[in-house]
Every structure is written in structure tokens, then in C-alpha cells.
Protein backbone atom coordinates (compact mmCIF):
# COMPACT_ATOMS: atom_id res chain seq x y z
CA UNK A 1 11.84 207.57 -118.71
CA UNK A 2 14.98 205.95 -117.31
CA UNK A 3 16.37 202.60 -118.21
CA UNK A 4 16.34 201.17 -114.71
CA UNK A 5 12.62 201.27 -113.99
CA UNK A 6 11.87 197.92 -112.44
CA UNK A 7 8.99 195.71 -113.49
CA UNK A 8 6.74 194.48 -110.72
CA UNK A 9 7.26 190.84 -111.49
CA UNK A 10 11.07 190.77 -110.98
CA UNK A 11 10.90 187.19 -109.96
CA UNK A 12 13.12 186.37 -112.81
CA UNK A 13 13.59 183.18 -114.79
CA UNK A 14 15.84 180.28 -114.11
CA UNK A 15 18.39 182.15 -116.07
CA UNK A 16 17.88 185.00 -113.61
CA UNK A 17 18.82 182.69 -110.77
CA UNK A 18 22.31 182.27 -112.21
CA UNK A 19 22.76 185.78 -113.56
CA UNK A 20 24.58 186.62 -110.29
CA UNK A 21 27.28 184.24 -109.00
CA UNK A 22 26.29 185.27 -105.44
CA UNK A 23 22.57 184.40 -105.91
CA UNK A 24 23.62 181.08 -107.50
CA UNK A 25 25.84 180.44 -104.44
CA UNK A 26 23.02 181.16 -102.05
CA UNK A 27 20.76 178.74 -103.96
CA UNK A 28 23.38 175.98 -103.99
CA UNK A 29 24.04 176.26 -100.21
CA UNK A 30 20.36 176.25 -99.44
CA UNK A 31 19.72 173.38 -101.68
CA UNK A 32 22.49 171.47 -99.92
CA UNK A 33 21.12 172.35 -96.48
CA UNK A 34 17.68 171.38 -97.39
CA UNK A 35 18.83 168.04 -98.91
CA UNK A 36 20.91 167.31 -95.74
CA UNK A 37 17.93 167.98 -93.45
CA UNK A 38 15.57 165.82 -95.49
CA UNK A 39 18.19 162.97 -95.59
CA UNK A 40 18.81 163.20 -91.80
CA UNK A 41 15.15 163.18 -90.77
CA UNK A 42 14.70 159.38 -91.20
CA UNK A 43 17.81 158.91 -89.22
CA UNK A 44 16.45 161.02 -86.35
CA UNK A 45 13.06 159.32 -86.38
CA UNK A 46 13.55 155.64 -87.32
CA UNK A 47 17.34 155.01 -87.11
CA UNK A 48 20.48 156.20 -88.87
CA UNK A 49 20.80 152.94 -90.83
CA UNK A 50 17.86 154.17 -92.94
CA UNK A 51 19.40 157.48 -93.88
CA UNK A 52 21.09 156.21 -97.06
CA UNK A 53 18.49 153.47 -97.76
CA UNK A 54 18.21 153.27 -101.53
CA UNK A 55 14.43 152.73 -101.52
CA UNK A 56 13.89 155.56 -99.11
CA UNK A 57 16.39 157.88 -100.86
CA UNK A 58 14.19 158.53 -103.85
CA UNK A 59 11.30 159.52 -101.61
CA UNK A 60 13.34 161.90 -99.56
CA UNK A 61 14.87 163.43 -102.74
CA UNK A 62 11.33 164.23 -103.90
CA UNK A 63 10.80 166.29 -100.61
CA UNK A 64 13.89 168.34 -101.41
CA UNK A 65 12.88 168.98 -105.00
CA UNK A 66 9.27 169.97 -104.17
CA UNK A 67 10.52 172.24 -101.32
CA UNK A 68 13.13 173.96 -103.56
CA UNK A 69 10.50 174.55 -106.29
CA UNK A 70 8.17 176.09 -103.73
CA UNK A 71 10.87 178.32 -102.37
CA UNK A 72 11.82 179.39 -105.95
CA UNK A 73 8.20 180.19 -106.86
CA UNK A 74 7.74 182.24 -103.69
CA UNK A 75 10.52 184.57 -104.79
CA UNK A 76 13.32 183.43 -102.47
CA UNK A 77 15.88 183.49 -105.36
CA UNK A 78 14.68 186.58 -107.29
CA UNK A 79 16.47 189.95 -107.63
CA UNK A 80 14.65 191.29 -104.64
CA UNK A 81 14.24 188.43 -102.13
CA UNK A 82 12.28 189.26 -98.88
CA UNK A 83 14.31 190.05 -95.80
CA UNK A 84 14.02 190.02 -92.02
CA UNK A 85 10.41 189.19 -90.86
CA UNK A 86 9.10 188.90 -94.42
CA UNK A 87 11.81 186.33 -95.12
CA UNK A 88 10.68 184.15 -92.24
CA UNK A 89 7.01 184.36 -93.16
CA UNK A 90 7.62 183.64 -96.82
CA UNK A 91 9.86 180.64 -96.01
CA UNK A 92 7.21 179.21 -93.68
CA UNK A 93 4.49 179.77 -96.28
CA UNK A 94 6.63 178.14 -99.12
CA UNK A 95 7.49 175.13 -97.03
CA UNK A 96 3.93 174.80 -95.83
CA UNK A 97 2.69 174.75 -99.41
CA UNK A 98 5.44 172.13 -100.21
CA UNK A 99 4.21 169.98 -97.28
CA UNK A 100 0.63 170.12 -98.61
CA UNK A 101 1.69 169.20 -102.09
CA UNK A 102 3.79 166.25 -100.78
CA UNK A 103 0.98 164.86 -98.59
CA UNK A 104 -1.41 165.00 -101.57
CA UNK A 105 1.08 163.31 -103.80
CA UNK A 106 1.91 160.61 -101.36
CA UNK A 107 -1.78 160.02 -100.68
CA UNK A 108 -2.47 159.62 -104.40
CA UNK A 109 0.48 157.18 -104.79
CA UNK A 110 0.31 154.96 -101.60
CA UNK A 111 3.28 152.81 -102.68
CA UNK A 112 5.54 155.92 -102.54
CA UNK A 113 4.10 157.08 -99.21
CA UNK A 114 6.62 158.44 -96.65
CA UNK A 115 6.00 159.06 -92.96
CA UNK A 116 4.18 162.36 -92.21
CA UNK A 117 6.72 162.74 -89.41
CA UNK A 118 9.61 162.71 -91.84
CA UNK A 119 7.96 165.48 -93.93
CA UNK A 120 7.07 167.52 -90.82
CA UNK A 121 10.47 167.11 -89.19
CA UNK A 122 12.57 167.87 -92.30
CA UNK A 123 10.52 170.87 -93.54
CA UNK A 124 10.05 172.15 -89.93
CA UNK A 125 13.84 172.11 -89.38
CA UNK A 126 14.28 173.80 -92.82
CA UNK A 127 11.82 176.57 -91.84
CA UNK A 128 14.15 177.36 -88.90
CA UNK A 129 17.56 176.78 -90.52
CA UNK A 130 17.11 178.48 -93.87
CA UNK A 131 16.05 182.00 -92.57
CA UNK A 132 18.94 181.86 -90.07
CA UNK A 133 21.43 180.98 -92.72
CA UNK A 134 20.05 183.65 -95.08
CA UNK A 135 20.26 186.31 -92.29
CA UNK A 136 23.85 185.35 -91.53
CA UNK A 137 24.67 185.32 -95.25
CA UNK A 138 23.18 188.76 -95.81
CA UNK A 139 25.22 190.14 -92.90
CA UNK A 140 28.45 188.78 -94.29
CA UNK A 141 27.66 189.88 -97.84
CA UNK A 142 27.06 193.47 -96.66
CA UNK A 143 30.48 193.74 -95.22
CA UNK A 144 33.21 195.60 -97.11
CA UNK A 145 35.40 192.50 -97.12
CA UNK A 146 32.99 190.74 -99.50
CA UNK A 147 32.46 193.58 -101.99
CA UNK A 148 34.61 195.95 -104.01
CA UNK A 149 34.26 199.66 -104.83
CA UNK A 150 33.09 200.51 -108.35
CA UNK A 151 33.16 203.75 -110.21
CA UNK A 152 30.92 204.49 -113.19
CA UNK A 153 32.19 206.65 -116.13
CA UNK A 154 29.56 208.81 -117.86
CA UNK A 155 26.82 211.37 -117.36
CA UNK A 156 24.05 210.01 -119.52
CA UNK A 157 20.99 207.82 -118.88
CA UNK A 158 22.98 204.55 -119.07
CA UNK A 159 25.59 205.78 -116.53
CA UNK A 160 22.90 206.94 -114.09
CA UNK A 161 21.07 203.56 -114.54
CA UNK A 162 24.23 201.59 -113.82
CA UNK A 163 24.97 203.66 -110.78
CA UNK A 164 21.38 203.16 -109.51
CA UNK A 165 21.71 199.40 -110.03
CA UNK A 166 24.91 199.31 -107.92
CA UNK A 167 23.22 201.25 -105.09
CA UNK A 168 20.14 199.05 -105.27
CA UNK A 169 21.59 195.59 -105.86
CA UNK A 170 25.17 196.08 -104.63
CA UNK A 171 24.91 193.34 -102.03
CA UNK A 172 24.00 190.74 -104.77
CA UNK A 173 26.48 192.20 -107.21
CA UNK A 174 29.32 192.37 -104.73
CA UNK A 175 29.82 196.05 -105.47
CA UNK A 176 29.73 199.35 -103.61
CA UNK A 177 29.42 202.69 -105.54
CA UNK A 178 32.33 205.03 -105.24
CA UNK A 179 30.67 207.55 -107.54
CA UNK A 180 30.50 208.59 -111.12
CA UNK A 181 33.09 210.47 -113.13
CA UNK A 182 32.12 212.87 -115.91
CA UNK A 183 34.01 214.62 -118.78
CA UNK A 184 36.24 217.48 -117.78
CA UNK A 185 33.89 220.26 -119.24
CA UNK A 186 30.78 218.90 -117.57
CA UNK A 187 29.54 220.41 -114.32
CA UNK A 188 29.59 218.39 -111.03
CA UNK A 189 25.97 219.01 -110.08
CA UNK A 190 24.98 215.67 -108.59
CA UNK A 191 25.81 214.27 -105.21
CA UNK A 192 27.12 210.86 -106.61
CA UNK A 193 29.53 212.53 -109.06
CA UNK A 194 32.94 212.00 -107.49
CA UNK A 195 35.04 213.92 -110.02
CA UNK A 196 36.06 214.05 -113.68
CA UNK A 197 37.72 211.54 -115.98
CA UNK A 198 41.15 212.99 -115.13
CA UNK A 199 40.51 211.86 -111.45
CA UNK A 200 40.13 208.20 -112.40
CA UNK A 201 43.69 207.06 -111.62
CA UNK A 202 43.73 208.96 -108.30
CA UNK A 203 40.33 207.64 -107.20
CA UNK A 204 41.44 204.05 -107.84
CA UNK A 205 44.69 204.46 -105.92
CA UNK A 206 43.27 206.39 -102.93
CA UNK A 207 40.06 204.43 -102.39
CA UNK A 208 41.08 201.03 -103.68
CA UNK A 209 38.44 200.91 -106.55
CA UNK A 210 38.30 197.40 -107.98
CA UNK A 211 35.82 197.86 -110.88
CA UNK A 212 35.19 200.46 -113.53
CA UNK A 213 31.88 200.56 -115.49
CA UNK A 214 32.38 202.45 -118.83
CA UNK A 215 28.90 203.83 -119.52
CA UNK A 216 29.70 206.77 -121.69
CA UNK A 217 28.81 207.02 -125.42
CA UNK A 218 31.55 209.66 -126.05
CA UNK A 219 34.85 207.97 -126.38
CA UNK A 220 37.07 210.35 -128.35
CA UNK A 221 39.40 213.09 -127.17
CA UNK A 222 38.27 213.28 -123.60
CA UNK A 223 38.02 209.51 -123.01
CA UNK A 224 40.67 208.21 -120.55
CA UNK A 225 41.94 205.39 -122.73
CA UNK A 226 45.47 205.32 -121.38
CA UNK A 227 44.23 205.19 -117.80
CA UNK A 228 41.80 202.33 -118.47
CA UNK A 229 44.44 200.33 -120.22
CA UNK A 230 46.85 200.79 -117.34
CA UNK A 231 44.18 199.91 -114.79
CA UNK A 232 43.11 196.82 -116.72
CA UNK A 233 46.66 195.47 -116.70
CA UNK A 234 46.96 196.23 -112.96
CA UNK A 235 44.00 193.94 -112.27
CA UNK A 236 41.12 196.39 -112.04
CA UNK A 237 37.93 194.99 -113.60
CA UNK A 238 36.70 197.03 -116.59
CA UNK A 239 33.28 196.42 -117.94
CA UNK A 240 31.32 198.01 -120.74
CA UNK A 241 28.19 199.75 -119.48
CA UNK A 242 25.77 198.09 -121.82
CA UNK A 243 27.05 194.67 -120.95
CA UNK A 244 26.83 195.41 -117.23
CA UNK A 245 23.22 196.72 -117.60
CA UNK A 246 22.16 193.64 -119.62
CA UNK A 247 23.90 191.20 -117.30
CA UNK A 248 22.21 192.63 -114.17
CA UNK A 249 18.74 193.47 -115.48
CA UNK A 250 18.04 191.02 -118.26
CA UNK A 251 17.09 193.84 -120.65
CA UNK A 252 18.62 196.23 -123.06
CA UNK A 253 18.70 200.02 -122.53
CA UNK A 254 17.06 201.06 -125.79
CA UNK A 255 17.64 204.80 -125.25
CA UNK A 256 21.36 204.28 -125.38
CA UNK A 257 21.38 201.51 -128.09
CA UNK A 258 23.01 202.19 -131.44
CA UNK A 259 22.48 200.19 -134.62
CA UNK A 260 26.18 199.26 -134.67
CA UNK A 261 25.77 197.55 -131.31
CA UNK A 262 23.18 195.28 -132.82
CA UNK A 263 25.10 194.71 -136.08
CA UNK A 264 28.46 193.81 -134.38
CA UNK A 265 26.97 192.17 -131.28
CA UNK A 266 27.73 188.50 -130.55
CA UNK A 267 23.96 188.08 -130.12
CA UNK A 268 21.05 188.68 -132.40
CA UNK A 269 21.86 185.78 -134.68
CA UNK A 270 19.90 182.50 -134.77
CA UNK A 271 21.12 179.21 -136.24
CA UNK A 272 18.77 177.05 -138.37
CA UNK A 273 19.09 174.10 -135.99
CA UNK A 274 17.98 176.37 -133.09
CA UNK A 275 14.91 177.43 -135.07
CA UNK A 276 14.17 173.74 -135.88
CA UNK A 277 14.49 172.70 -132.30
CA UNK A 278 12.28 175.59 -131.24
CA UNK A 279 9.64 174.61 -133.81
CA UNK A 280 9.63 171.00 -132.72
CA UNK A 281 9.35 172.11 -129.09
CA UNK A 282 6.42 174.44 -129.98
CA UNK A 283 4.55 171.64 -131.71
CA UNK A 284 5.02 169.24 -128.85
CA UNK A 285 4.01 171.83 -126.25
CA UNK A 286 0.97 173.01 -128.19
CA UNK A 287 -0.26 169.56 -128.94
CA UNK A 288 0.08 168.43 -125.36
CA UNK A 289 -1.42 171.67 -124.07
CA UNK A 290 -4.50 171.44 -126.28
CA UNK A 291 -5.15 167.76 -125.37
CA UNK A 292 -4.67 168.27 -121.57
CA UNK A 293 -6.55 171.66 -121.48
CA UNK A 294 -9.56 170.49 -123.59
CA UNK A 295 -11.87 169.95 -120.65
CA UNK A 296 -10.77 173.25 -119.03
CA UNK A 297 -11.36 175.07 -122.40
CA UNK A 298 -14.85 173.57 -122.71
CA UNK A 299 -15.66 174.72 -119.18
CA UNK A 300 -14.31 178.21 -119.84
CA UNK A 301 -16.25 178.50 -123.05
CA UNK A 302 -19.38 177.59 -121.28
CA UNK A 303 -18.85 180.13 -118.48
CA UNK A 304 -18.16 182.87 -121.01
CA UNK A 305 -21.43 182.13 -122.77
CA UNK A 306 -23.40 182.04 -119.55
CA UNK A 307 -21.95 185.29 -118.14
CA UNK A 308 -22.63 187.61 -121.15
CA UNK A 309 -24.20 187.59 -124.54
CA UNK A 310 -21.94 186.92 -127.57
CA UNK A 311 -19.52 184.23 -128.82
CA UNK A 312 -17.18 182.37 -126.43
CA UNK A 313 -14.31 182.89 -128.75
CA UNK A 314 -13.18 185.98 -130.58
CA UNK A 315 -10.43 186.56 -133.12
CA UNK A 316 -8.43 189.61 -133.88
CA UNK A 317 -5.71 190.64 -136.38
CA UNK A 318 -2.25 190.79 -134.95
CA UNK A 319 1.17 191.35 -136.49
CA UNK A 320 3.40 188.26 -136.78
CA UNK A 321 6.98 187.50 -137.70
CA UNK A 322 8.29 189.90 -140.37
CA UNK A 323 5.20 192.03 -140.13
CA UNK A 324 2.90 189.32 -141.58
CA UNK A 325 -0.69 189.71 -140.20
CA UNK A 326 -2.48 186.69 -138.75
CA UNK A 327 -5.70 186.15 -136.82
CA UNK A 328 -5.21 185.34 -133.11
CA UNK A 329 -7.83 183.36 -131.15
CA UNK A 330 -8.73 184.01 -127.52
CA UNK A 331 -11.67 183.41 -125.18
CA UNK A 332 -13.78 186.64 -125.10
CA UNK A 333 -13.17 188.49 -121.88
CA UNK A 334 -14.97 191.85 -122.80
CA UNK A 335 -18.34 192.94 -123.90
CA UNK A 336 -19.07 192.52 -127.60
CA UNK A 337 -19.21 196.31 -128.01
CA UNK A 338 -15.84 196.96 -126.18
CA UNK A 339 -14.25 198.58 -129.18
CA UNK A 340 -17.19 200.58 -130.57
CA UNK A 341 -15.12 203.72 -130.26
CA UNK A 342 -11.95 202.16 -131.85
CA UNK A 343 -8.98 200.16 -130.66
CA UNK A 344 -7.75 200.90 -127.17
CA UNK A 345 -5.39 199.30 -124.56
CA UNK A 346 -6.94 197.61 -121.54
CA UNK A 347 -6.68 199.68 -118.43
CA UNK A 348 -6.70 198.81 -114.65
CA UNK A 349 -10.21 197.63 -113.64
CA UNK A 350 -11.34 198.12 -117.23
CA UNK A 351 -15.19 198.48 -117.32
CA UNK A 352 -15.33 196.66 -120.61
CA UNK A 353 -14.19 193.42 -119.02
CA UNK A 354 -16.94 190.94 -117.95
CA UNK A 355 -17.06 189.12 -114.60
CA UNK A 356 -15.83 185.85 -116.05
CA UNK A 357 -13.53 187.79 -118.33
CA UNK A 358 -11.78 189.36 -115.25
CA UNK A 359 -11.12 185.90 -113.88
CA UNK A 360 -9.85 184.25 -117.10
CA UNK A 361 -7.60 187.29 -117.81
CA UNK A 362 -6.03 187.05 -114.31
CA UNK A 363 -5.43 183.32 -114.68
CA UNK A 364 -4.46 183.58 -118.39
CA UNK A 365 -7.15 181.08 -119.41
CA UNK A 366 -8.33 183.47 -122.10
CA UNK A 367 -5.07 182.77 -123.93
CA UNK A 368 -5.45 178.92 -124.20
CA UNK A 369 -6.91 179.06 -127.76
CA UNK A 370 -3.57 180.65 -128.85
CA UNK A 371 -2.16 177.11 -128.71
CA UNK A 372 -3.80 176.58 -131.98
CA UNK A 373 -1.93 179.51 -133.45
CA UNK A 374 1.27 177.88 -132.16
CA UNK A 375 0.43 174.55 -133.63
CA UNK A 376 -0.17 176.01 -137.22
CA UNK A 377 3.06 178.07 -136.96
CA UNK A 378 1.73 181.62 -136.63
CA UNK A 379 2.99 181.94 -133.09
CA UNK A 380 5.58 180.34 -130.78
CA UNK A 381 5.24 179.28 -127.18
CA UNK A 382 7.79 181.96 -126.26
CA UNK A 383 8.35 185.30 -128.02
CA UNK A 384 7.36 189.05 -127.90
CA UNK A 385 3.66 189.79 -127.29
CA UNK A 386 1.67 189.90 -130.60
CA UNK A 387 0.66 193.55 -131.11
CA UNK A 388 -2.13 194.96 -133.17
CA UNK A 389 -1.08 196.53 -136.45
CA UNK A 390 -2.50 199.99 -135.49
CA UNK A 391 -0.56 200.01 -132.24
CA UNK A 392 2.75 199.00 -133.96
CA UNK A 393 2.36 201.84 -136.52
CA UNK A 394 2.00 204.33 -133.71
CA UNK A 395 4.67 202.94 -131.40
CA UNK A 396 7.44 202.66 -134.00
CA UNK A 397 7.20 206.42 -134.51
CA UNK A 398 7.82 207.00 -130.74
CA UNK A 399 10.16 204.18 -129.89
CA UNK A 400 13.49 203.40 -131.56
CA UNK A 401 13.99 199.79 -132.69
CA UNK A 402 10.32 198.88 -132.04
CA UNK A 403 9.80 197.21 -135.44
CA UNK A 404 12.98 195.03 -134.90
CA UNK A 405 10.91 192.90 -132.45
CA UNK A 406 8.97 191.62 -135.48
CA UNK A 407 11.94 189.58 -136.57
CA UNK A 408 10.89 186.67 -134.36
CA UNK A 409 7.53 184.96 -133.96
CA UNK A 410 5.27 186.40 -131.27
CA UNK A 411 4.68 184.16 -128.27
CA UNK A 412 1.88 182.99 -125.95
CA UNK A 413 4.33 184.05 -123.17
CA UNK A 414 7.63 185.82 -123.21
CA UNK A 415 10.56 187.37 -121.43
CA UNK A 416 8.71 190.74 -121.31
CA UNK A 417 5.43 189.17 -120.27
CA UNK A 418 6.89 187.55 -117.16
CA UNK A 419 9.13 190.45 -116.15
CA UNK A 420 6.90 193.48 -116.33
CA UNK A 421 3.29 194.57 -116.08
CA UNK A 422 0.72 194.60 -118.94
CA UNK A 423 1.60 197.32 -121.46
CA UNK A 424 -0.98 200.05 -121.64
CA UNK A 425 1.06 203.02 -122.90
CA UNK A 426 4.10 203.95 -124.97
CA UNK A 427 6.20 204.05 -121.91
CA UNK A 428 5.14 200.45 -120.94
CA UNK A 429 5.74 199.38 -124.53
CA UNK A 430 9.30 200.76 -124.29
CA UNK A 431 9.88 198.85 -121.03
CA UNK A 432 8.66 195.59 -122.68
CA UNK A 433 10.75 196.28 -125.87
CA UNK A 434 13.89 196.37 -123.69
CA UNK A 435 13.17 192.78 -122.51
CA UNK A 436 12.13 191.64 -126.08
CA UNK A 437 15.39 192.81 -127.57
CA UNK A 438 17.33 191.09 -124.83
CA UNK A 439 15.36 187.91 -125.59
CA UNK A 440 16.21 188.26 -129.28
CA UNK A 441 19.86 188.79 -128.48
CA UNK A 442 19.97 185.72 -126.10
CA UNK A 443 17.77 183.54 -128.21
CA UNK A 444 18.02 179.80 -127.33
CA UNK A 445 15.80 176.89 -126.48
CA UNK A 446 16.98 176.78 -122.91
CA UNK A 447 16.03 180.41 -122.54
CA UNK A 448 12.54 179.50 -123.82
CA UNK A 449 12.28 176.75 -121.30
CA UNK A 450 13.31 178.98 -118.41
CA UNK A 451 10.62 181.54 -119.42
CA UNK A 452 8.02 178.84 -119.48
CA UNK A 453 9.00 177.75 -115.96
CA UNK A 454 8.67 181.29 -114.78
CA UNK A 455 5.30 181.68 -116.52
CA UNK A 456 3.89 179.20 -114.05
CA UNK A 457 4.72 181.68 -111.27
CA UNK A 458 3.10 184.49 -113.15
CA UNK A 459 -0.10 182.43 -113.59
CA UNK A 460 -0.12 181.06 -110.02
CA UNK A 461 0.18 184.55 -108.41
CA UNK A 462 -1.84 186.26 -111.08
CA UNK A 463 0.81 188.88 -111.81
CA UNK A 464 0.53 191.64 -114.36
CA UNK A 465 -2.83 190.81 -116.09
CA UNK A 466 -5.71 193.28 -116.56
């Protein structure tokens, strides 16, 4: 298993949007273009004196916000945005959905109504301008003038992963891979290996390398310390491999992680005021969620009862913070005899899942009762997925640092849940752990909010559930 295996839901959180300065720049320019088109539409249709009309400005601003939200939730600002024909179709679909939402909103609130022609003109123009701008931007970003050569030091899994990320996302990162360098005694048996550590200075001078990613765990006798110091003072960007990998992917490469990196890291520490703010946030969200979702929960319970024999709700022992067991509550989505042969992960098209169960699992409606677990303090709105004790006992024997995820409360949703598929194997559990550890390292209320925003996308597009 390599560290760079991508999850299928790489839409990313709001934090993901600003992880890359280039991606943030694209978002800012497109937000400005969209706002300009929306503001100019009234001028084209009813006269330029209305363009900066204070009463009309609020309504036109709402068009921009809804359109930007729709573009975001359609993946236009994720790590792998659509290109070429797919970009045009996705933009049209996103702006079409924005138009439908706006028409519905203005119909429900007549006093705020704005001309259908303004909506159609502004979003129609945006559907033509944004793909053209994105295509021109991609062309410029691909040019050598807007990127710099990077070399990766190392031969291990982390080094290969960093090199793969540059090859795959170089346009977004502003990097082009010049190759990897390995220790003097190691064989050059891969195409991307450009030489050995002793060739570093020559490679930088001859090819104009502007960045060096140090992704080697061996930093003793053979490590080119003097060369790196010299290059650093000459303006070459030097970045530690783990930091680069975390910055680009939003996860931690567990296979290369050492206990000292957790102990001496700037992350993995939580202030009391952050925990207090998170708890207040959890109580407010859980209370509001239970009140607003009560009719939907009653309907879901009735459908579960009508679809198959057995209770509408079921509870199960899960492992909470610091290993403390608690009883989680969910709507029943499987037959009552689903675990007659013992505990087992859900699989793709699991035959144990009922008809209604398949729907409520895809839409995450089965997890609404967990809001009660949040309210009483057993869970949080955001955190690692609450695992069953028998699974944890087995996984911690196979996966390093797996038990460390228990140092925070489990969550209804989480960084791992919105970034990769449902875990149904030890390999999937390792992938999710990498995201969970990054969440623990970057723990903050704003990170929680960004994950909740992205959870909406996961629910809307039914990503990752089984």
C-alpha cells in the first residue's frame, strides 16, 4: 500500500480550497468575474444607473453567492477539477442548478424577487466566460514560465509518493519533477531516478532546479547537509517531505511516521478553550439538528418499520474517546439477523441491507439518531469514525498509531469520512487513519466547520456510503 492512494471523494473541504495558492487564486478570479457579470446584468437590461443601486445590490449579491456555492459543490475547486468538455458541462450544470435555486427562493420571498432576465443573463454569460477563463488559465499554468523544477531526495515510500504527487498535481502546485536522487550506494533502477545525493548541486545548477523535497528518513553520513544549506542560502526552496505530503494531500503518511514527529510536532495539541468552543458548537448543532430533523426522523422510522420486521432503531457498542465504550444509536438499515455469524464490515451491495436501508445509508439518514450521542457528550459533530471494539483490537495489531485516533471524540462526520470511501478492510482503515491523524494535528473549530460544509456535498452526491 502506498501513501498516495487517492480517495474517491477528493472534493476537499474549504480548507482544501486554500491549500494551494494557485487554486485559491483561481477561485478569487472566478468569484470576481462572476460578481462583475451579475452586477453588470441589470445595467445591460434596465439601465446602467441601476448597476450600483443599493436596494438591487443585495439581490444581485445573492446570485453570486448561490452560483459560487453551486460551482464549489460541483467540484470546480477540488484537487481534480474537470477539464475540457467535462468542464463546460459541469459549469452549465452547476449554474443551471443555481438558477433553479434562485428562482425558487425569489418565488418564496416575493419582496426580494429579481427579474428572471437578470438571472438568465448573468448566469448565462458566466456559463460562457468561466470555462473560457479556466481553459486560458490552465494553458498558462502548464507553461514552464509559471512552474519550477523540483527534485525529491529519497528512495522510500514517502519519496515515491511525493514524486507521484508532483507528476499528478504539478500544475496546481506550480512544480515540475526533475527526478529523484538516492543514496550513493543505492542502485538507479527506476526511470525517474536522476542520480545520487552527490549530484544534487550539479542538477540544480545545470537544470535550474528551484525546489528540493527532502523525503528521506536516513539523514546521517550520506545526507547532503552542506549542499542543502548552500542551496537554501542561494534561494532554492527546501521543504521537508512529510510537510510537503501533508500540505498537498491533507493526510499523514503513516508508514513513514515516527513517534518523535508526533511528540515534537507543532500540531497534536489542543487548548482548553478550543475544546470548550467545540463542545458549545456540538450542543448547538445537535439541538438544532434534532429539532429540525424530527419530522424526517419520524418518517424514516415509519419507513424502516414498514419495509422489514424489527425495530426502527438499533444500538451498538462503539469505542469513544480514550477507549471508553458507549452505545451508538442509528436507524436500522440491515435485517435483524445481519450479524448472526459475527461482526463484519459492510460490503458493496451488501445483501444484508434492506431496501429502505440502502436509501437511508446512501443519504446518511440512518445516522440522524447519533445527534443524541452528540448532545449527551459521547460523540462530536466532527471526528474520527466510531469503530467497534473488536475491529479496533484487530486493526491496532496491523496498523501503527491506530489507537492514537482514540484521543479525540468520534464524530458523526469527519475529515476521513468526506475524503475517502467507506472502510471495509485493513487497507481502507489505514487510508482513513492518515486523514484522522491529520485532523488531530490540525484540530480547530474552523476545520470542523469546513468539514461540515463539505459533508453537505457528500450527502447530496451520495458519495462513499454502502
